[in-house]
Amino acid sequence: MKIKLYGVRGSLPTPLSGSEYREKLEKILESAHREFKDQNGTFSVPTFLQSLSPELLRPVGGNTTCVYVESTKGQKLIIDCGSGMRELGNDLLKDGIAQGGTIQVLVTHTHWDHIQGWPFFKPGYIPSVQVDFYSTISNLKERFDRQQNPENFPITLDEMMSKKTFNLLQRQQTVQIGDFKVTPFLLKHPGNCTGYHIEENGKSFLFCTDVEVREEDLSEFEQLRAKFGSPDMLIIDAQYSSEEAERKIGWGHTSGRLAVRCGEVLGVNKLVLTHHEPDHPDEEIIRMFNQEKQSTALSEIVLAREADIFLI
């Protein structure tokens, strides 16, 4: 199974600001200047780039949640339709989806940051493409229709010429979607949100975006472990620092520290922290990540960045 992140921000798309770009550029040039002096005037651009710290090498990313999953046989599954879905659509076109194919889409919930990319998903306009939506939301099509009401968008959902189906899932009931076994489950979030356990060929991961976990909620992750065992990977909301989470009780998001605790309870091999706060610049997100992940026995904790690829 290949998993690629196309959007890792929460709440609102967040382009890199001009001041952030300038600050990164200054640090890169300062590092290049030191490297040039240390090497007595010789300088290799590829070698220099390999030595750059991750925060300078590429940005965290500003698109909202969209995750692409591909089975070993090449079947395509998308989780959520945030603004990162636009770039995913462009990549699928490069791979030949316009010649015909089927895409399955899991929807966690319909807050705008999780559906706003759909109208800009170019394969959705191609008659030879089949898009099958799955969710635990009984009126999902109606909600997508409302997003594309002519007052909000110039093209309605039905005017997008792909073939579309809307399929209702039941929480805690496993279904086979192509090559994937998918089990939805409830997450604590205003208006509710659905998490997903996704399995193929004995490998699995949990996707838990938009969830508010506090100490008293860890028992729910113990129940997930009892049901699924230890997944190979957990991708989970870690929007806040511990201090912010205490000020924002009921806002529906998790601190990095408690996201790490969820990974410990589940016994995962890899923990991926995502859904980054839009008010946090990259430097703050990285500072929080380093602070919140301290003192854990987990073997690998990853700060989610756009274009990250995981193979499990």
Protein backbone atom coordinates (compact mmCIF):
# COMPACT_ATOMS: atom_id res chain seq x y z
CA MET A 1 0.00 0.00 0.00
CA LYS A 2 1.29 3.45 -0.94
CA ILE A 3 0.02 6.47 0.95
CA LYS A 4 0.72 10.03 -0.22
CA LEU A 5 -0.25 13.20 1.62
CA TYR A 6 -1.67 15.97 -0.57
CA GLY A 7 -2.93 18.21 2.23
CA VAL A 8 -1.81 18.46 5.87
CA ARG A 9 -3.31 21.75 7.12
CA GLY A 10 -6.43 22.07 9.21
CA SER A 11 -9.31 24.51 9.09
CA LEU A 12 -8.13 26.73 6.23
CA PRO A 13 -5.66 26.61 3.31
CA THR A 14 -2.53 28.46 4.36
CA PRO A 15 -0.12 29.58 1.62
CA LEU A 16 3.43 30.41 2.64
CA SER A 17 3.48 34.15 3.37
CA GLY A 18 5.96 36.55 1.80
CA SER A 19 7.67 37.17 5.15
CA GLU A 20 8.00 33.43 5.82
CA TYR A 21 9.45 32.88 2.35
CA ARG A 22 11.98 35.69 2.84
CA GLU A 23 12.98 34.35 6.25
CA LYS A 24 13.57 30.86 4.82
CA LEU A 25 15.50 32.32 1.89
CA GLU A 26 17.77 34.31 4.19
CA LYS A 27 18.57 31.21 6.26
CA ILE A 28 19.28 29.15 3.12
CA LEU A 29 21.62 31.82 1.72
CA GLU A 30 23.41 32.15 5.06
CA SER A 31 23.93 28.36 5.13
CA ALA A 32 25.14 28.40 1.52
CA HIS A 33 27.58 31.19 2.31
CA ARG A 34 29.05 29.22 5.24
CA GLU A 35 29.28 26.07 3.12
CA PHE A 36 31.09 28.01 0.36
CA LYS A 37 33.64 29.38 2.83
CA ASP A 38 34.15 26.01 4.53
CA GLN A 39 34.80 24.34 1.16
CA ASN A 40 37.31 27.02 0.11
CA GLY A 41 35.23 28.26 -2.78
CA THR A 42 34.00 24.93 -4.09
CA PHE A 43 30.27 24.34 -3.90
CA SER A 44 27.96 21.52 -4.94
CA VAL A 45 24.29 22.45 -5.04
CA PRO A 46 23.00 18.83 -4.72
CA THR A 47 25.32 18.14 -1.77
CA PHE A 48 24.32 21.39 -0.09
CA LEU A 49 20.60 20.64 -0.48
CA GLN A 50 21.07 17.21 1.08
CA SER A 51 22.60 18.86 4.15
CA LEU A 52 19.77 21.36 4.69
CA SER A 53 17.48 20.91 7.66
CA PRO A 54 13.95 19.67 6.81
CA GLU A 55 12.32 22.99 7.66
CA LEU A 56 14.42 24.75 5.03
CA LEU A 57 14.44 22.01 2.41
CA ARG A 58 10.68 22.15 1.82
CA PRO A 59 7.66 23.78 3.47
CA VAL A 60 5.15 21.89 5.60
CA GLY A 61 2.49 22.77 3.04
CA GLY A 62 -0.64 24.88 2.98
CA ASN A 63 -3.35 22.62 1.53
CA THR A 64 -6.12 21.12 3.64
CA THR A 65 -6.66 17.42 4.18
CA CYS A 66 -6.45 15.03 1.24
CA VAL A 67 -4.74 11.64 1.31
CA TYR A 68 -4.16 9.30 -1.63
CA VAL A 69 -3.91 5.54 -1.08
CA GLU A 70 -2.92 3.10 -3.82
CA SER A 71 -3.12 -0.68 -3.51
CA THR A 72 -0.39 -3.02 -4.67
CA LYS A 73 -2.55 -3.66 -7.78
CA GLY A 74 -2.93 0.07 -8.47
CA GLN A 75 -6.47 0.65 -7.22
CA LYS A 76 -7.08 4.24 -6.12
CA LEU A 77 -8.58 5.40 -2.83
CA ILE A 78 -8.82 9.02 -1.64
CA ILE A 79 -9.52 10.14 1.91
CA ASP A 80 -11.17 13.57 2.10
CA CYS A 81 -11.49 16.30 -0.48
CA GLY A 82 -9.58 19.23 1.00
CA SER A 83 -7.77 21.75 -1.18
CA GLY A 84 -4.94 19.26 -1.77
CA MET A 85 -7.36 17.34 -4.00
CA ARG A 86 -6.73 19.79 -6.85
CA GLU A 87 -3.07 18.78 -7.18
CA LEU A 88 -3.97 15.10 -6.73
CA GLY A 89 -6.37 15.41 -9.67
CA ASN A 90 -3.61 16.91 -11.80
CA ASP A 91 -1.31 13.99 -10.91
CA LEU A 92 -4.01 11.45 -11.77
CA LEU A 93 -4.46 13.11 -15.16
CA LYS A 94 -0.72 12.75 -15.81
CA ASP A 95 -1.10 9.05 -14.95
CA GLY A 96 -3.82 8.62 -17.59
CA ILE A 97 -7.06 8.61 -15.57
CA ALA A 98 -8.81 10.50 -18.39
CA GLN A 99 -8.73 7.30 -20.47
CA GLY A 100 -11.09 5.78 -17.93
CA GLY A 101 -10.90 4.46 -14.41
CA THR A 102 -12.54 4.26 -11.01
CA ILE A 103 -11.67 6.33 -7.94
CA GLN A 104 -13.05 5.57 -4.50
CA VAL A 105 -13.39 8.48 -2.06
CA LEU A 106 -13.84 8.17 1.71
CA VAL A 107 -15.27 11.27 3.41
CA THR A 108 -14.66 11.79 7.14
CA HIS A 109 -17.05 14.75 7.52
CA THR A 110 -18.14 17.78 5.52
CA HIS A 111 -16.56 20.75 7.24
CA TRP A 112 -15.38 22.94 4.39
CA ASP A 113 -11.69 22.25 4.79
CA HIS A 114 -12.43 18.60 4.00
CA ILE A 115 -14.60 19.05 0.90
CA GLN A 116 -13.53 22.36 -0.67
CA GLY A 117 -11.10 20.75 -3.12
CA TRP A 118 -13.71 18.61 -4.87
CA PRO A 119 -14.98 21.30 -7.33
CA PHE A 120 -11.36 21.75 -8.49
CA PHE A 121 -10.70 18.02 -8.99
CA LYS A 122 -10.38 17.82 -12.78
CA PRO A 123 -11.08 14.06 -13.12
CA GLY A 124 -14.51 14.84 -11.67
CA TYR A 125 -15.37 16.59 -14.94
CA ILE A 126 -14.44 13.68 -17.24
CA PRO A 127 -17.28 11.36 -18.41
CA SER A 128 -15.00 8.30 -18.58
CA VAL A 129 -14.11 8.56 -14.87
CA GLN A 130 -16.16 6.79 -12.19
CA VAL A 131 -16.07 8.36 -8.70
CA ASP A 132 -17.61 6.33 -5.86
CA PHE A 133 -18.09 8.24 -2.60
CA TYR A 134 -18.32 6.41 0.74
CA SER A 135 -19.22 7.92 4.11
CA THR A 136 -21.37 7.45 7.21
CA ILE A 137 -23.37 10.57 6.19
CA SER A 138 -26.85 9.72 4.87
CA ASN A 139 -27.24 13.00 2.92
CA LEU A 140 -23.69 13.33 1.59
CA LYS A 141 -24.78 14.17 -1.97
CA GLU A 142 -27.06 16.91 -0.66
CA ARG A 143 -24.16 18.44 1.24
CA PHE A 144 -21.94 18.39 -1.86
CA ASP A 145 -24.83 19.90 -3.84
CA ARG A 146 -25.05 22.77 -1.37
CA GLN A 147 -21.35 23.52 -1.69
CA GLN A 148 -21.86 23.94 -5.45
CA ASN A 149 -25.10 25.90 -5.31
CA PRO A 150 -24.85 28.61 -8.03
CA GLU A 151 -24.62 31.19 -5.24
CA ASN A 152 -21.34 29.55 -4.17
CA PHE A 153 -19.84 28.04 -7.31
CA PRO A 154 -20.51 28.41 -11.07
CA ILE A 155 -20.82 24.67 -11.81
CA THR A 156 -23.23 22.38 -10.00
CA LEU A 157 -22.33 18.89 -8.81
CA ASP A 158 -24.54 17.29 -11.47
CA GLU A 159 -22.86 19.34 -14.20
CA MET A 160 -19.55 17.67 -13.37
CA MET A 161 -19.66 14.91 -15.98
CA SER A 162 -17.95 12.05 -14.16
CA LYS A 163 -20.13 9.14 -13.14
CA LYS A 164 -20.77 9.36 -9.39
CA THR A 165 -22.27 7.15 -6.71
CA PHE A 166 -22.85 7.92 -3.02
CA ASN A 167 -22.62 4.92 -0.71
CA LEU A 168 -23.62 4.82 2.95
CA LEU A 169 -21.36 3.00 5.42
CA GLN A 170 -22.21 1.89 8.95
CA ARG A 171 -19.74 2.59 11.72
CA GLN A 172 -17.93 -0.49 13.06
CA GLN A 173 -18.97 -2.55 10.02
CA THR A 174 -16.14 -3.64 7.70
CA VAL A 175 -16.70 -3.43 3.96
CA GLN A 176 -14.57 -4.42 1.00
CA ILE A 177 -13.92 -1.45 -1.28
CA GLY A 178 -11.86 -2.73 -4.19
CA ASP A 179 -8.62 -4.10 -2.77
CA PHE A 180 -9.16 -2.43 0.61
CA LYS A 181 -10.94 -3.57 3.75
CA VAL A 182 -12.41 -0.41 5.28
CA THR A 183 -13.92 -0.03 8.75
CA PRO A 184 -15.37 3.35 9.80
CA PHE A 185 -15.58 4.42 13.45
CA LEU A 186 -16.71 7.50 15.36
CA LEU A 187 -14.33 10.32 16.33
CA LYS A 188 -15.10 13.06 18.85
CA HIS A 189 -15.46 16.31 16.92
CA PRO A 190 -18.17 19.01 16.68
CA GLY A 191 -20.83 17.60 14.36
CA ASN A 192 -19.07 14.21 14.52
CA CYS A 193 -16.29 12.86 12.31
CA THR A 194 -15.52 9.38 11.02
CA GLY A 195 -12.14 7.72 11.33
CA TYR A 196 -11.12 4.83 9.08
CA HIS A 197 -9.17 1.62 9.50
CA ILE A 198 -7.82 0.64 6.08
CA GLU A 199 -6.24 -2.74 5.42
CA GLU A 200 -4.70 -4.47 2.41
CA ASN A 201 -2.70 -7.69 2.33
CA GLY A 202 -2.38 -7.80 6.12
CA LYS A 203 -1.02 -4.23 6.35
CA SER A 204 -3.16 -1.48 7.85
CA PHE A 205 -3.32 2.10 9.05
CA LEU A 206 -5.74 4.26 11.00
CA PHE A 207 -6.77 7.68 9.74
CA CYS A 208 -8.00 9.91 12.57
CA THR A 209 -8.29 13.46 11.35
CA ASP A 210 -10.34 16.04 13.27
CA VAL A 211 -10.55 14.36 16.65
CA GLU A 212 -10.34 15.85 20.13
CA VAL A 213 -8.51 13.47 22.45
CA ARG A 214 -8.09 14.19 26.15
CA GLU A 215 -6.70 11.85 28.82
CA GLU A 216 -10.15 10.42 29.54
CA ASP A 217 -10.59 9.55 25.85
CA LEU A 218 -7.56 7.25 25.58
CA SER A 219 -9.76 4.29 26.48
CA GLU A 220 -11.41 4.69 23.07
CA PHE A 221 -8.03 4.05 21.45
CA GLU A 222 -7.61 1.00 23.66
CA GLN A 223 -10.90 -0.24 22.21
CA LEU A 224 -9.60 0.40 18.68
CA ARG A 225 -6.53 -1.69 19.47
CA ALA A 226 -8.75 -4.46 20.83
CA LYS A 227 -10.72 -4.42 17.58
CA PHE A 228 -7.96 -3.98 15.00
CA GLY A 229 -4.76 -4.99 16.78
CA SER A 230 -1.73 -2.72 16.34
CA PRO A 231 -1.90 -1.01 12.93
CA ASP A 232 1.30 -0.35 11.04
CA MET A 233 0.64 3.39 11.02
CA LEU A 234 -1.56 6.04 12.63
CA ILE A 235 -2.22 9.36 10.91
CA ILE A 236 -3.79 11.67 13.50
CA ASP A 237 -4.81 15.26 14.17
CA ALA A 238 -2.20 17.11 16.24
CA GLN A 239 -3.27 20.69 15.59
CA TYR A 240 -2.45 22.18 18.99
CA SER A 241 0.31 22.42 21.54
CA SER A 242 -0.60 21.16 25.00
CA GLU A 243 -1.07 24.74 26.19
CA GLU A 244 -3.39 25.61 23.28
CA ALA A 245 -5.44 22.45 23.78
CA GLU A 246 -6.21 23.49 27.36
CA ARG A 247 -7.54 26.83 26.10
CA LYS A 248 -9.57 25.28 23.28
CA ILE A 249 -11.58 22.54 24.93
CA GLY A 250 -14.48 21.59 22.68
CA TRP A 251 -12.87 22.90 19.48
CA GLY A 252 -12.42 19.35 18.18
CA HIS A 253 -8.64 18.97 17.85
CA THR A 254 -5.79 17.26 19.69
CA SER A 255 -2.47 18.29 21.19
CA GLY A 256 0.71 16.74 19.86
CA ARG A 257 1.41 15.19 23.27
CA LEU A 258 -1.90 13.34 23.39
CA ALA A 259 -1.62 12.33 19.74
CA VAL A 260 1.66 10.64 20.74
CA ARG A 261 -0.16 8.95 23.63
CA CYS A 262 -2.71 7.59 21.13
CA GLY A 263 0.12 6.09 19.11
CA GLU A 264 1.55 4.51 22.26
CA VAL A 265 -1.81 3.03 23.23
CA LEU A 266 -2.22 1.56 19.74
CA GLY A 267 1.37 0.32 19.61
CA VAL A 268 1.94 1.61 16.08
CA ASN A 269 5.22 1.35 14.19
CA LYS A 270 4.84 4.79 12.64
CA LEU A 271 2.96 7.85 13.91
CA VAL A 272 2.18 10.74 11.54
CA LEU A 273 1.06 14.05 13.07
CA THR A 274 -1.11 16.17 10.76
CA HIS A 275 -3.92 18.78 10.48
CA HIS A 276 -1.58 21.66 11.35
CA GLU A 277 -2.97 24.89 12.76
CA PRO A 278 -3.30 27.59 10.03
CA ASP A 279 -2.05 30.33 12.40
CA HIS A 280 1.20 28.44 12.98
CA PRO A 281 4.07 29.19 10.56
CA ASP A 282 6.33 26.29 9.64
CA GLU A 283 8.90 27.20 12.26
CA GLU A 284 6.29 27.09 15.03
CA ILE A 285 4.88 23.77 13.80
CA ILE A 286 8.37 22.24 13.87
CA ARG A 287 9.11 23.71 17.31
CA MET A 288 5.83 22.26 18.64
CA PHE A 289 6.54 18.91 17.03
CA ASN A 290 9.94 18.64 18.71
CA GLN A 291 8.50 19.70 22.07
CA GLU A 292 5.35 17.56 22.06
CA LYS A 293 6.95 14.28 20.93
CA GLN A 294 9.49 14.08 23.75
CA SER A 295 9.77 11.07 26.07
CA THR A 296 8.14 8.34 24.04
CA ALA A 297 9.06 4.77 23.20
CA LEU A 298 7.52 4.94 19.73
CA SER A 299 10.03 3.97 17.07
CA GLU A 300 9.09 6.59 14.48
CA ILE A 301 7.16 9.87 14.71
CA VAL A 302 6.77 11.94 11.56
CA LEU A 303 5.68 15.55 11.09
CA ALA A 304 3.29 15.38 8.12
CA ARG A 305 4.37 17.42 5.11
CA GLU A 306 2.72 17.71 1.72
CA ALA A 307 4.03 15.12 -0.77
CA ASP A 308 5.19 12.75 1.98
CA ILE A 309 4.93 9.12 0.79
CA PHE A 310 4.66 6.10 3.05
CA LEU A 311 4.86 2.46 2.01
CA ILE A 312 3.34 -0.14 4.32
